[in-house]
C-alpha atoms as a PDB file:
ATOM      1  CA  MET A   1       0.000   0.000   0.000  1.00  0.00           C
ATOM      2  CA  ALA A   2       2.611   2.510  -1.146  1.00  0.00           C
ATOM      3  CA  TYR A   3       2.199   6.158  -0.217  1.00  0.00           C
ATOM      4  CA  GLN A   4       1.510   8.183  -3.351  1.00  0.00           C
ATOM      5  CA  GLN A   5       2.799  11.690  -4.006  1.00  0.00           C
ATOM      6  CA  PRO A   6      -0.250  13.953  -4.394  1.00  0.00           C
ATOM      7  CA  ALA A   7      -0.420  16.002  -7.566  1.00  0.00           C
ATOM      8  CA  LEU A   8       0.548  19.646  -7.205  1.00  0.00           C
ATOM      9  CA  PRO A   9      -2.633  21.748  -6.894  1.00  0.00           C
ATOM     10  CA  TYR A  10      -1.249  24.283  -9.416  1.00  0.00           C
ATOM     11  CA  ALA A  11       1.198  24.458 -12.309  1.00  0.00           C
ATOM     12  CA  ASP A  12       4.953  24.635 -11.608  1.00  0.00           C
ATOM     13  CA  ASN A  13       5.087  28.307 -12.622  1.00  0.00           C
ATOM     14  CA  SER A  14       1.880  29.427 -10.891  1.00  0.00           C
ATOM     15  CA  LEU A  15       3.641  30.785  -7.810  1.00  0.00           C
ATOM     16  CA  GLU A  16       5.995  33.058  -9.749  1.00  0.00           C
ATOM     17  CA  PRO A  17       7.563  35.527  -9.171  1.00  0.00           C
ATOM     18  CA  TYR A  18       7.629  34.557  -5.496  1.00  0.00           C
ATOM     19  CA  ILE A  19       8.612  30.896  -5.965  1.00  0.00           C
ATOM     20  CA  SER A  20      10.010  29.950  -9.349  1.00  0.00           C
ATOM     21  CA  ALA A  21       9.107  26.979 -11.521  1.00  0.00           C
ATOM     22  CA  ASN A  22      12.748  25.951 -11.156  1.00  0.00           C
ATOM     23  CA  THR A  23      12.395  25.746  -7.369  1.00  0.00           C
ATOM     24  CA  ILE A  24       9.120  23.831  -7.639  1.00  0.00           C
ATOM     25  CA  GLY A  25      10.731  21.435 -10.101  1.00  0.00           C
ATOM     26  CA  PHE A  26      13.509  20.538  -7.692  1.00  0.00           C
ATOM     27  CA  HIS A  27      11.492  20.803  -4.475  1.00  0.00           C
ATOM     28  CA  TYR A  28       8.415  18.846  -5.549  1.00  0.00           C
ATOM     29  CA  GLY A  29       9.918  16.816  -8.372  1.00  0.00           C
ATOM     30  CA  LYS A  30      13.089  15.688  -6.602  1.00  0.00           C
ATOM     31  CA  HIS A  31      13.126  16.375  -2.826  1.00  0.00           C
ATOM     32  CA  HIS A  32       9.524  15.436  -2.067  1.00  0.00           C
ATOM     33  CA  ALA A  33       9.546  12.537  -4.521  1.00  0.00           C
ATOM     34  CA  THR A  34      12.703  11.148  -2.930  1.00  0.00           C
ATOM     35  CA  TYR A  35      11.246  11.222   0.589  1.00  0.00           C
ATOM     36  CA  ILE A  36       8.277   9.225  -0.696  1.00  0.00           C
ATOM     37  CA  LYS A  37      10.438   6.737  -2.582  1.00  0.00           C
ATOM     38  CA  ASN A  38      12.656   6.238   0.472  1.00  0.00           C
ATOM     39  CA  TYR A  39       9.672   5.863   2.794  1.00  0.00           C
ATOM     40  CA  ASN A  40       7.997   3.268   0.611  1.00  0.00           C
ATOM     41  CA  GLY A  41      11.249   1.332   0.334  1.00  0.00           C
ATOM     42  CA  LEU A  42      11.762   1.337   4.104  1.00  0.00           C
ATOM     43  CA  VAL A  43       8.269   0.096   4.993  1.00  0.00           C
ATOM     44  CA  GLU A  44       7.790  -2.391   2.162  1.00  0.00           C
ATOM     45  CA  GLY A  45       7.227  -5.852   3.594  1.00  0.00           C
ATOM     46  CA  THR A  46       6.892  -4.553   7.178  1.00  0.00           C
ATOM     47  CA  PRO A  47       3.751  -4.106   9.318  1.00  0.00           C
ATOM     48  CA  PHE A  48       3.969  -0.354   8.623  1.00  0.00           C
ATOM     49  CA  ASP A  49       3.254  -0.977   4.937  1.00  0.00           C
ATOM     50  CA  ALA A  50      -0.473  -1.424   5.588  1.00  0.00           C
ATOM     51  CA  LYS A  51      -0.838   1.538   7.962  1.00  0.00           C
ATOM     52  CA  PRO A  52      -1.745   5.160   7.130  1.00  0.00           C
ATOM     53  CA  ILE A  53       1.359   7.326   7.065  1.00  0.00           C
ATOM     54  CA  GLU A  54       0.073   9.415  10.001  1.00  0.00           C
ATOM     55  CA  GLU A  55       0.001   6.278  12.177  1.00  0.00           C
ATOM     56  CA  VAL A  56       3.523   5.371  11.099  1.00  0.00           C
ATOM     57  CA  ILE A  57       4.763   8.838  12.059  1.00  0.00           C
ATOM     58  CA  LEU A  58       3.247   8.584  15.531  1.00  0.00           C
ATOM     59  CA  ALA A  59       4.508   5.013  16.007  1.00  0.00           C
ATOM     60  CA  THR A  60       8.115   5.806  15.053  1.00  0.00           C
ATOM     61  CA  ALA A  61       8.565   9.341  16.433  1.00  0.00           C
ATOM     62  CA  ALA A  62      10.249   8.258  19.673  1.00  0.00           C
ATOM     63  CA  ASP A  63      11.975   5.127  18.370  1.00  0.00           C
ATOM     64  CA  ALA A  64      15.661   5.712  17.662  1.00  0.00           C
ATOM     65  CA  ALA A  65      15.802   2.448  15.732  1.00  0.00           C
ATOM     66  CA  LYS A  66      13.160   3.722  13.326  1.00  0.00           C
ATOM     67  CA  VAL A  67      14.555   7.226  12.734  1.00  0.00           C
ATOM     68  CA  GLY A  68      14.904   6.639   8.997  1.00  0.00           C
ATOM     69  CA  VAL A  69      11.269   5.593   8.682  1.00  0.00           C
ATOM     70  CA  PHE A  70      10.132   8.571  10.762  1.00  0.00           C
ATOM     71  CA  ASN A  71      12.225  11.142   8.903  1.00  0.00           C
ATOM     72  CA  ASN A  72      11.062  10.033   5.468  1.00  0.00           C
ATOM     73  CA  ALA A  73       7.441   9.530   6.516  1.00  0.00           C
ATOM     74  CA  ALA A  74       7.222  12.911   8.239  1.00  0.00           C
ATOM     75  CA  GLN A  75       8.923  14.746   5.387  1.00  0.00           C
ATOM     76  CA  ALA A  76       6.678  13.025   2.854  1.00  0.00           C
ATOM     77  CA  LEU A  77       3.570  14.116   4.770  1.00  0.00           C
ATOM     78  CA  ASN A  78       4.900  17.580   5.694  1.00  0.00           C
ATOM     79  CA  HIS A  79       5.462  18.338   2.018  1.00  0.00           C
ATOM     80  CA  SER A  80       2.098  16.922   0.908  1.00  0.00           C
ATOM     81  CA  PHE A  81       0.519  19.314   3.414  1.00  0.00           C
ATOM     82  CA  TYR A  82       2.783  22.241   2.491  1.00  0.00           C
ATOM     83  CA  TRP A  83       1.860  22.362  -1.212  1.00  0.00           C
ATOM     84  CA  ASN A  84      -1.746  23.031  -0.200  1.00  0.00           C
ATOM     85  CA  CYS A  85      -0.652  25.879   2.090  1.00  0.00           C
ATOM     86  CA  LEU A  86       0.346  27.851  -1.014  1.00  0.00           C
ATOM     87  CA  THR A  87      -1.890  29.179  -3.760  1.00  0.00           C
ATOM     88  CA  PRO A  88      -1.529  31.618  -6.650  1.00  0.00           C
ATOM     89  CA  ASN A  89      -2.862  35.049  -5.679  1.00  0.00           C
ATOM     90  CA  GLY A  90      -2.849  34.010  -2.024  1.00  0.00           C
ATOM     91  CA  GLY A  91      -1.754  35.912   1.045  1.00  0.00           C
ATOM     92  CA  GLY A  92      -3.904  38.692   2.370  1.00  0.00           C
ATOM     93  CA  THR A  93      -5.990  37.942   5.431  1.00  0.00           C
ATOM     94  CA  PRO A  94      -8.358  35.153   6.439  1.00  0.00           C
ATOM     95  CA  THR A  95     -12.067  35.743   6.907  1.00  0.00           C
ATOM     96  CA  GLY A  96     -14.864  34.329   8.990  1.00  0.00           C
ATOM     97  CA  GLU A  97     -14.330  32.110  12.021  1.00  0.00           C
ATOM     98  CA  LEU A  98     -10.587  31.672  11.552  1.00  0.00           C
ATOM     99  CA  ALA A  99     -10.044  35.431  11.317  1.00  0.00           C
ATOM    100  CA  ALA A 100     -11.997  35.940  14.540  1.00  0.00           C
ATOM    101  CA  LYS A 101     -10.056  33.156  16.272  1.00  0.00           C
ATOM    102  CA  ILE A 102      -6.704  34.649  15.204  1.00  0.00           C
ATOM    103  CA  ASP A 103      -7.758  38.028  16.607  1.00  0.00           C
ATOM    104  CA  ALA A 104      -8.863  36.378  19.849  1.00  0.00           C
ATOM    105  CA  ASP A 105      -5.781  34.210  20.366  1.00  0.00           C
ATOM    106  CA  PHE A 106      -3.030  36.509  19.031  1.00  0.00           C
ATOM    107  CA  GLY A 107      -4.528  39.944  19.637  1.00  0.00           C
ATOM    108  CA  SER A 108      -4.636  40.876  15.951  1.00  0.00           C
ATOM    109  CA  PHE A 109      -3.756  39.476  12.547  1.00  0.00           C
ATOM    110  CA  ASP A 110      -0.664  41.704  12.429  1.00  0.00           C
ATOM    111  CA  LYS A 111       0.577  40.236  15.723  1.00  0.00           C
ATOM    112  CA  PHE A 112       0.005  36.738  14.382  1.00  0.00           C
ATOM    113  CA  LYS A 113       1.846  37.586  11.170  1.00  0.00           C
ATOM    114  CA  ASP A 114       4.826  38.960  13.092  1.00  0.00           C
ATOM    115  CA  GLU A 115       4.940  35.803  15.226  1.00  0.00           C
ATOM    116  CA  LEU A 116       4.816  33.538  12.172  1.00  0.00           C
ATOM    117  CA  LYS A 117       7.520  35.542  10.398  1.00  0.00           C
ATOM    118  CA  ASN A 118       9.726  35.402  13.475  1.00  0.00           C
ATOM    119  CA  ALA A 119       9.257  31.656  13.932  1.00  0.00           C
ATOM    120  CA  ALA A 120      10.102  30.966  10.281  1.00  0.00           C
ATOM    121  CA  ALA A 121      13.089  33.313  10.216  1.00  0.00           C
ATOM    122  CA  THR A 122      14.611  32.138  13.510  1.00  0.00           C
ATOM    123  CA  GLN A 123      14.229  28.362  13.108  1.00  0.00           C
ATOM    124  CA  PHE A 124      17.877  27.346  13.344  1.00  0.00           C
ATOM    125  CA  GLY A 125      18.884  25.210  10.402  1.00  0.00           C
ATOM    126  CA  SER A 126      16.264  23.267   8.488  1.00  0.00           C
ATOM    127  CA  GLY A 127      12.657  23.051   9.552  1.00  0.00           C
ATOM    128  CA  TRP A 128       9.151  24.413   9.459  1.00  0.00           C
ATOM    129  CA  ALA A 129       6.942  27.160  10.907  1.00  0.00           C
ATOM    130  CA  TRP A 130       3.318  26.232  11.633  1.00  0.00           C
ATOM    131  CA  LEU A 131      -0.036  27.632  12.610  1.00  0.00           C
ATOM    132  CA  VAL A 132      -1.612  24.923  14.764  1.00  0.00           C
ATOM    133  CA  LEU A 133      -4.664  24.307  16.895  1.00  0.00           C
ATOM    134  CA  ASP A 134      -3.571  23.081  20.320  1.00  0.00           C
ATOM    135  CA  ASN A 135      -6.313  22.126  22.782  1.00  0.00           C
ATOM    136  CA  GLY A 136      -8.624  24.731  21.308  1.00  0.00           C
ATOM    137  CA  THR A 137      -6.027  27.521  21.094  1.00  0.00           C
ATOM    138  CA  LEU A 138      -4.247  28.757  17.976  1.00  0.00           C
ATOM    139  CA  LYS A 139      -0.467  28.821  18.320  1.00  0.00           C
ATOM    140  CA  VAL A 140       2.569  29.428  16.125  1.00  0.00           C
ATOM    141  CA  VAL A 141       5.213  26.729  16.543  1.00  0.00           C
ATOM    142  CA  LYS A 142       8.405  25.810  14.759  1.00  0.00           C
ATOM    143  CA  THR A 143       9.864  22.353  14.262  1.00  0.00           C
ATOM    144  CA  GLY A 144      13.329  21.254  13.235  1.00  0.00           C
ATOM    145  CA  ASN A 145      14.184  18.953  10.358  1.00  0.00           C
ATOM    146  CA  ALA A 146      11.371  16.416   9.832  1.00  0.00           C
ATOM    147  CA  GLN A 147       9.543  17.067  13.084  1.00  0.00           C
ATOM    148  CA  THR A 148       5.813  17.680  12.894  1.00  0.00           C
ATOM    149  CA  PRO A 149       3.196  19.082  15.295  1.00  0.00           C
ATOM    150  CA  LEU A 150       1.303  15.794  14.974  1.00  0.00           C
ATOM    151  CA  THR A 151       3.679  14.180  17.466  1.00  0.00           C
ATOM    152  CA  SER A 152       2.758  16.854  20.046  1.00  0.00           C
ATOM    153  CA  GLY A 153      -0.970  16.305  19.632  1.00  0.00           C
ATOM    154  CA  GLN A 154      -1.396  19.551  17.702  1.00  0.00           C
ATOM    155  CA  THR A 155      -3.452  19.960  14.535  1.00  0.00           C
ATOM    156  CA  PRO A 156      -1.586  21.728  11.699  1.00  0.00           C
ATOM    157  CA  LEU A 157      -3.590  24.391   9.889  1.00  0.00           C
ATOM    158  CA  LEU A 158      -0.869  25.999   7.768  1.00  0.00           C
ATOM    159  CA  CYS A 159       2.928  25.808   7.397  1.00  0.00           C
ATOM    160  CA  ILE A 160       5.948  27.425   5.784  1.00  0.00           C
ATOM    161  CA  ASP A 161       8.901  25.288   4.700  1.00  0.00           C
ATOM    162  CA  VAL A 162      12.216  26.867   5.703  1.00  0.00           C
ATOM    163  CA  TRP A 163      14.551  24.108   4.557  1.00  0.00           C
ATOM    164  CA  GLU A 164      17.079  25.751   2.228  1.00  0.00           C
ATOM    165  CA  HIS A 165      15.824  23.759  -0.750  1.00  0.00           C
ATOM    166  CA  ALA A 166      12.490  25.589  -0.424  1.00  0.00           C
ATOM    167  CA  TYR A 167      13.986  28.976  -1.239  1.00  0.00           C
ATOM    168  CA  TYR A 168      17.713  28.963  -2.011  1.00  0.00           C
ATOM    169  CA  LEU A 169      17.474  29.020  -5.818  1.00  0.00           C
ATOM    170  CA  ASP A 170      15.282  32.139  -5.611  1.00  0.00           C
ATOM    171  CA  TYR A 171      16.460  33.924  -2.459  1.00  0.00           C
ATOM    172  CA  GLN A 172      19.903  32.467  -1.637  1.00  0.00           C
ATOM    173  CA  ASN A 173      20.515  33.213   2.065  1.00  0.00           C
ATOM    174  CA  ARG A 174      17.653  35.751   2.374  1.00  0.00           C
ATOM    175  CA  ARG A 175      15.233  33.480   4.206  1.00  0.00           C
ATOM    176  CA  PRO A 176      13.245  36.394   5.726  1.00  0.00           C
ATOM    177  CA  ASP A 177      12.505  37.701   2.213  1.00  0.00           C
ATOM    178  CA  HIS A 178      11.173  34.282   1.199  1.00  0.00           C
ATOM    179  CA  VAL A 179       9.046  34.084   4.344  1.00  0.00           C
ATOM    180  CA  ALA A 180       7.590  37.554   3.786  1.00  0.00           C
ATOM    181  CA  ALA A 181       6.761  36.737   0.151  1.00  0.00           C
ATOM    182  CA  VAL A 182       4.974  33.527   1.153  1.00  0.00           C
ATOM    183  CA  ILE A 183       2.952  35.201   3.890  1.00  0.00           C
ATOM    184  CA  ASP A 184       2.023  38.267   1.865  1.00  0.00           C
ATOM    185  CA  HIS A 185       1.372  36.655  -1.521  1.00  0.00           C
ATOM    186  CA  LEU A 186       0.978  32.875  -1.363  1.00  0.00           C
ATOM    187  CA  LEU A 187      -0.613  31.608   1.871  1.00  0.00           C
ATOM    188  CA  ASN A 188      -3.799  29.661   1.206  1.00  0.00           C
ATOM    189  CA  TRP A 189      -6.237  30.911   3.831  1.00  0.00           C
ATOM    190  CA  LYS A 190      -9.094  28.813   2.461  1.00  0.00           C
ATOM    191  CA  PHE A 191      -7.061  25.653   3.141  1.00  0.00           C
ATOM    192  CA  ALA A 192      -6.231  26.874   6.661  1.00  0.00           C
ATOM    193  CA  THR A 193      -9.866  27.759   7.330  1.00  0.00           C
ATOM    194  CA  ASP A 194     -11.063  24.356   6.137  1.00  0.00           C
ATOM    195  CA  ASN A 195      -8.528  22.683   8.454  1.00  0.00           C
ATOM    196  CA  TYR A 196      -9.640  24.857  11.378  1.00  0.00           C
ATOM    197  CA  LEU A 197     -13.344  24.201  10.858  1.00  0.00           C
ATOM    198  CA  ALA A 198     -12.706  20.458  10.601  1.00  0.00           C
ATOM    199  CA  ALA A 199     -10.640  20.402  13.788  1.00  0.00           C
ATOM    200  CA  LYS A 200     -12.401  22.773  16.169  1.00  0.00           C
END
């Protein structure tokens, strides 16, 4: 029951000029595809092969002997989630219940945005910045490498990939510029809202 790479929800060049088709080609076509290939190879013929990838992530997260399975499973799923966090002509502000919840839990959308930018810019080394729902409260968290909020019992609503392969071809070492472009022009607030409404 191999894990399949979901199709991109837009064309390779749809996120330009903020993320280039060249970056998408390498990031989706090579990095993400390799995590999935490695994951499927590691679990083939094992009891994990028949389990949903989310269950495999939770089962292997604290097992040092299964770190390879966890890293590839979590990165496969993190990326499948991430592509939906971006959309052409995105950014702006959310509406409806999620907008009200952000105002309630962060004080304002601008305060939330500053917190997300800071988390993404200050994650040391490779990793992710997330908007999550944690026991009924919205929080911004950051995770290193392949880590995911799922292992902390949090529900991801939105994320930004800050591994260098997500931005280096377009921004070189200017990670904060990449983060600002994603937040202001690409975030998919409909996807985040759907995740929030399903989880609350």
